[in-house]
Amino acid sequence: MENKNPLGTVKLVNVRKAFRNGRDQILKGVSIEFPTGELTYILGSSGAGKSVTLKHILGLLRPDSGEVWVGGKDMAKIKGRELMEHRKLFGMLFQNSALFDDFTVFENVAFPLREHTDLSESEITEKVVRALDLLGMNRASHDKLPNEISGGMKKRVALARAIIREPSILLYDEPTTGLDPVTRTTVDDLIDQLKRELHLTSIVISHDIPSALLLADQIAFLHQGEIVFWGKPAEFRKAHHPAIKSFLEAEGRTVTALTS
């Protein structure tokens, strides 16, 4: 089922961004349109501009020039309350899950609803239970604190919180970085599950090649502030750009070292 939701549209047009009074050129004319309702991985080495791209999509940074269109509005031109309202289009999975240590599993997921909606407690309970059920969190876990659950379960809770307000766009910031192989597989399965069941426009910032090749509908590769590849995972494997070849070869050497 294809998602035709116009609020799920994300497009960057010739976005440029520099820091240190222009001395550090981070984005050098990035143009990319993310297919609505599909899963796109943005890959690239550290410093390539992945996180800066994500911050532009969220409206946390404004481009020096260019346009950042999200849900029909240019994020570079809206501000204040309008920007805050427009950010409700997003659900976000942070790299470290970013759960509140003193909140239970249930309270972590309920927090956005209590802060940003007028729903009754019974309505909140219904939504939270449904989201946690979707992500495989049994009822016995709802009263546990984050330090009482596994890393994989923390990711489930964080994802439940990310989707609790029914966003049109789901963003993932390095979702598998630093995870053990079992937890990494769990997170991959969760990303794939939400892709199949919710059909959101999903954007993953990552340097995790195996996950991207397994899950992505398409891959964008950022190198020195420019998109040097855009295409299907099968095409990415065969790409001739030197930076992509080096990226793939480094992954191959890592896998060999881990399995030898």
Protein backbone atom coordinates (compact mmCIF):
# COMPACT_ATOMS: atom_id res chain seq x y z
CA MET A 1 0.00 0.00 0.00
CA GLU A 2 1.51 3.31 -1.08
CA ASN A 3 1.24 6.30 1.23
CA LYS A 4 -0.05 9.30 -0.70
CA ASN A 5 -0.13 11.52 2.41
CA PRO A 6 1.07 14.99 1.26
CA LEU A 7 2.22 15.71 4.82
CA GLY A 8 4.81 12.96 4.38
CA THR A 9 6.69 14.80 1.63
CA VAL A 10 10.32 15.75 2.23
CA LYS A 11 12.47 17.49 -0.38
CA LEU A 12 15.74 19.43 -0.22
CA VAL A 13 16.58 21.81 -3.05
CA ASN A 14 20.18 22.97 -3.50
CA VAL A 15 20.79 23.22 0.25
CA ARG A 16 24.07 24.76 1.28
CA LYS A 17 25.40 25.11 4.81
CA ALA A 18 28.72 26.30 6.18
CA PHE A 19 30.07 26.93 9.68
CA ARG A 20 32.92 29.00 11.10
CA ASN A 21 32.03 32.05 8.96
CA GLY A 22 31.96 29.98 5.80
CA ARG A 23 35.29 28.22 6.31
CA ASP A 24 33.71 24.79 6.86
CA GLN A 25 31.47 23.94 3.92
CA ILE A 26 29.30 21.06 5.16
CA LEU A 27 26.49 20.86 2.59
CA LYS A 28 27.36 21.88 -0.94
CA GLY A 29 24.12 22.08 -2.84
CA VAL A 30 22.25 18.99 -1.63
CA SER A 31 19.10 18.21 -3.63
CA ILE A 32 17.07 15.13 -2.79
CA GLU A 33 13.40 14.14 -2.73
CA PHE A 34 12.42 11.31 -0.40
CA PRO A 35 9.70 9.02 -1.84
CA THR A 36 6.54 9.33 0.22
CA GLY A 37 5.76 6.26 2.29
CA GLU A 38 9.14 4.61 1.62
CA LEU A 39 12.32 3.95 3.60
CA THR A 40 15.47 5.83 2.62
CA TYR A 41 18.90 5.36 4.15
CA ILE A 42 21.37 8.25 4.03
CA LEU A 43 24.82 6.71 4.27
CA GLY A 44 28.20 8.35 4.49
CA SER A 45 31.38 8.56 6.53
CA SER A 46 31.66 10.68 9.66
CA GLY A 47 31.67 14.35 8.73
CA ALA A 48 29.93 13.79 5.39
CA GLY A 49 26.95 15.93 6.40
CA LYS A 50 24.36 13.32 7.43
CA SER A 51 23.46 14.82 10.80
CA VAL A 52 23.45 18.34 9.40
CA THR A 53 21.02 17.17 6.72
CA LEU A 54 18.76 15.68 9.39
CA LYS A 55 18.83 18.89 11.43
CA HIS A 56 17.75 20.87 8.36
CA ILE A 57 14.81 18.51 7.80
CA LEU A 58 13.77 19.02 11.43
CA GLY A 59 14.15 22.77 11.17
CA LEU A 60 16.88 22.83 13.82
CA LEU A 61 19.24 24.42 11.31
CA ARG A 62 18.46 26.86 8.52
CA PRO A 63 20.35 26.63 5.23
CA ASP A 64 22.63 29.41 4.05
CA SER A 65 20.78 29.00 0.76
CA GLY A 66 18.31 26.54 -0.73
CA GLU A 67 14.95 25.14 0.36
CA VAL A 68 13.86 22.39 2.75
CA TRP A 69 10.29 21.35 1.95
CA VAL A 70 8.46 19.23 4.52
CA GLY A 71 4.73 18.58 4.28
CA GLY A 72 4.28 21.43 1.81
CA LYS A 73 6.15 24.08 3.81
CA ASP A 74 9.70 25.40 3.51
CA MET A 75 11.28 24.76 6.91
CA ALA A 76 13.77 27.53 6.17
CA LYS A 77 10.98 30.13 6.15
CA ILE A 78 8.76 29.20 9.08
CA LYS A 79 9.53 29.87 12.72
CA GLY A 80 8.10 30.19 16.18
CA ARG A 81 4.79 28.52 16.90
CA GLU A 82 4.25 27.58 13.25
CA LEU A 83 7.55 25.70 13.22
CA MET A 84 6.74 23.93 16.48
CA GLU A 85 3.35 22.87 15.13
CA HIS A 86 4.88 21.64 11.89
CA ARG A 87 7.39 19.50 13.77
CA LYS A 88 4.45 17.41 14.94
CA LEU A 89 4.71 15.72 11.55
CA PHE A 90 7.84 13.96 12.81
CA GLY A 91 8.49 10.93 14.94
CA MET A 92 12.12 10.52 15.97
CA LEU A 93 14.24 7.62 17.19
CA PHE A 94 17.37 9.00 18.81
CA GLN A 95 20.69 7.16 18.75
CA ASN A 96 20.69 6.46 22.50
CA SER A 97 16.87 6.04 22.70
CA ALA A 98 16.71 9.13 25.00
CA LEU A 99 14.27 7.62 27.47
CA PHE A 100 13.54 9.36 30.77
CA ASP A 101 15.33 7.33 33.44
CA ASP A 102 12.78 8.08 36.16
CA PHE A 103 9.74 7.31 33.98
CA THR A 104 8.31 3.84 33.52
CA VAL A 105 7.98 2.32 30.07
CA PHE A 106 4.33 3.38 29.99
CA GLU A 107 5.09 6.93 31.17
CA ASN A 108 7.87 7.36 28.58
CA VAL A 109 5.48 6.55 25.75
CA ALA A 110 2.60 8.54 27.23
CA PHE A 111 4.74 11.66 27.75
CA PRO A 112 4.21 13.25 24.28
CA LEU A 113 0.45 12.75 24.54
CA ARG A 114 0.26 14.30 28.00
CA GLU A 115 2.43 17.24 26.96
CA HIS A 116 1.01 18.01 23.54
CA THR A 117 -2.60 16.78 23.41
CA ASP A 118 -5.86 17.17 25.31
CA LEU A 119 -6.62 13.46 25.37
CA SER A 120 -8.19 11.93 28.45
CA GLU A 121 -6.21 9.45 30.53
CA SER A 122 -8.33 6.59 29.21
CA GLU A 123 -7.60 7.66 25.61
CA ILE A 124 -3.90 7.97 26.41
CA THR A 125 -3.85 4.53 27.99
CA GLU A 126 -5.53 3.01 24.93
CA LYS A 127 -3.03 4.60 22.53
CA VAL A 128 0.03 3.71 24.63
CA VAL A 129 -1.01 0.09 25.08
CA ARG A 130 -1.70 -0.23 21.36
CA ALA A 131 1.72 1.21 20.42
CA LEU A 132 3.58 -0.99 22.90
CA ASP A 133 1.63 -4.06 21.75
CA LEU A 134 2.54 -3.27 18.14
CA LEU A 135 6.22 -3.24 19.07
CA GLY A 136 6.09 -6.44 21.10
CA MET A 137 6.23 -5.04 24.63
CA ASN A 138 4.13 -7.24 26.90
CA ARG A 139 1.95 -5.75 29.65
CA ALA A 140 4.33 -6.90 32.38
CA SER A 141 6.98 -4.51 31.07
CA HIS A 142 4.84 -1.37 31.21
CA ASP A 143 5.73 -0.54 34.82
CA LYS A 144 9.45 -1.18 34.50
CA LEU A 145 12.07 1.58 34.44
CA PRO A 146 14.54 1.86 31.54
CA ASN A 147 17.38 0.43 33.64
CA GLU A 148 15.28 -2.70 34.21
CA ILE A 149 14.91 -3.62 30.53
CA SER A 150 17.33 -4.73 27.80
CA GLY A 151 18.83 -2.56 25.09
CA GLY A 152 16.50 -4.07 22.49
CA MET A 153 13.47 -3.36 24.66
CA LYS A 154 14.61 0.25 25.13
CA LYS A 155 14.60 0.65 21.35
CA ARG A 156 11.06 -0.77 21.23
CA VAL A 157 9.92 1.75 23.84
CA ALA A 158 11.64 4.61 22.03
CA LEU A 159 9.98 3.61 18.77
CA ALA A 160 6.59 3.35 20.47
CA ARG A 161 7.10 6.89 21.72
CA ALA A 162 8.17 8.02 18.24
CA ILE A 163 4.94 6.79 16.63
CA ILE A 164 2.52 7.56 19.48
CA ARG A 165 1.26 10.81 17.89
CA GLU A 166 0.81 9.14 14.51
CA PRO A 167 3.48 11.08 12.58
CA SER A 168 3.68 11.33 8.81
CA ILE A 169 7.49 11.16 8.81
CA LEU A 170 9.71 8.89 10.90
CA LEU A 171 13.36 9.80 11.41
CA TYR A 172 16.08 7.50 12.73
CA ASP A 173 19.42 8.85 13.95
CA GLU A 174 22.07 6.10 13.78
CA PRO A 175 19.64 3.50 15.17
CA THR A 176 22.12 0.59 15.28
CA THR A 177 25.34 2.35 16.28
CA GLY A 178 27.10 0.71 19.20
CA LEU A 179 24.67 -2.20 19.49
CA ASP A 180 25.59 -5.84 19.90
CA PRO A 181 24.66 -8.10 16.95
CA VAL A 182 21.52 -9.49 18.58
CA THR A 183 20.13 -6.05 19.49
CA ARG A 184 21.12 -4.72 16.06
CA THR A 185 19.09 -7.47 14.42
CA THR A 186 16.16 -6.64 16.69
CA VAL A 187 16.28 -2.98 15.67
CA ASP A 188 16.49 -3.90 11.98
CA ASP A 189 13.41 -6.08 12.41
CA LEU A 190 11.54 -3.23 14.12
CA ILE A 191 12.42 -0.77 11.35
CA ASP A 192 11.25 -3.28 8.77
CA GLN A 193 8.04 -3.94 10.72
CA LEU A 194 7.13 -0.25 10.92
CA LYS A 195 7.97 0.20 7.25
CA ARG A 196 5.55 -2.58 6.28
CA GLU A 197 2.76 -1.77 8.73
CA LEU A 198 2.68 2.04 8.91
CA HIS A 199 3.91 3.07 5.42
CA LEU A 200 5.45 6.28 6.73
CA THR A 201 8.04 8.35 4.92
CA SER A 202 11.08 7.04 6.81
CA ILE A 203 14.61 8.45 6.74
CA VAL A 204 17.53 6.70 8.41
CA ILE A 205 20.84 8.49 9.03
CA SER A 206 23.44 5.75 9.30
CA HIS A 207 26.78 4.26 8.32
CA ASP A 208 25.40 0.74 8.75
CA ILE A 209 25.79 -0.79 5.29
CA PRO A 210 24.31 -4.26 6.00
CA SER A 211 21.13 -2.77 7.46
CA ALA A 212 20.77 -0.38 4.54
CA LEU A 213 21.25 -3.10 1.95
CA LEU A 214 18.72 -5.28 3.75
CA LEU A 215 15.97 -2.75 4.50
CA ALA A 216 16.16 0.33 2.30
CA ASP A 217 13.87 1.08 -0.60
CA GLN A 218 16.60 3.43 -1.76
CA ILE A 219 19.98 4.68 -0.58
CA ALA A 220 21.51 8.14 -0.74
CA PHE A 221 25.26 8.43 -0.23
CA LEU A 222 26.69 11.69 1.08
CA HIS A 223 30.34 12.44 0.42
CA GLN A 224 31.98 15.73 1.35
CA GLY A 225 28.63 17.49 1.47
CA GLU A 226 27.28 16.21 -1.84
CA ILE A 227 24.91 13.40 -2.85
CA VAL A 228 27.13 11.23 -5.04
CA PHE A 229 24.71 8.29 -5.28
CA TRP A 230 20.95 7.81 -5.24
CA GLY A 231 19.39 4.47 -6.10
CA LYS A 232 18.35 0.98 -5.09
CA PRO A 233 20.47 -1.17 -2.74
CA ALA A 234 21.41 -3.51 -5.59
CA GLU A 235 22.72 -0.54 -7.57
CA PHE A 236 24.64 0.73 -4.55
CA ARG A 237 26.58 -2.54 -4.35
CA LYS A 238 27.81 -1.96 -7.92
CA ALA A 239 28.47 1.79 -7.69
CA HIS A 240 31.78 2.96 -9.15
CA HIS A 241 32.31 6.12 -7.10
CA PRO A 242 35.67 5.80 -5.25
CA ALA A 243 34.21 6.90 -1.91
CA ILE A 244 31.48 4.26 -2.11
CA LYS A 245 33.98 1.57 -3.07
CA SER A 246 36.16 2.51 -0.08
CA PHE A 247 33.09 2.51 2.18
CA LEU A 248 32.06 -0.97 1.03
CA GLU A 249 35.61 -2.32 1.22
CA ALA A 250 36.01 -1.02 4.79
CA GLU A 251 32.79 -2.80 5.76
CA GLY A 252 34.07 -5.98 4.15
CA ARG A 253 37.35 -5.79 6.07
CA THR A 254 35.43 -5.25 9.34
CA VAL A 255 33.24 -8.29 8.71
CA THR A 256 36.29 -10.39 7.84
CA ALA A 257 38.10 -9.30 11.01
CA LEU A 258 35.10 -10.11 13.18
CA THR A 259 34.59 -13.56 11.68
CA SER A 260 38.23 -14.67 11.37
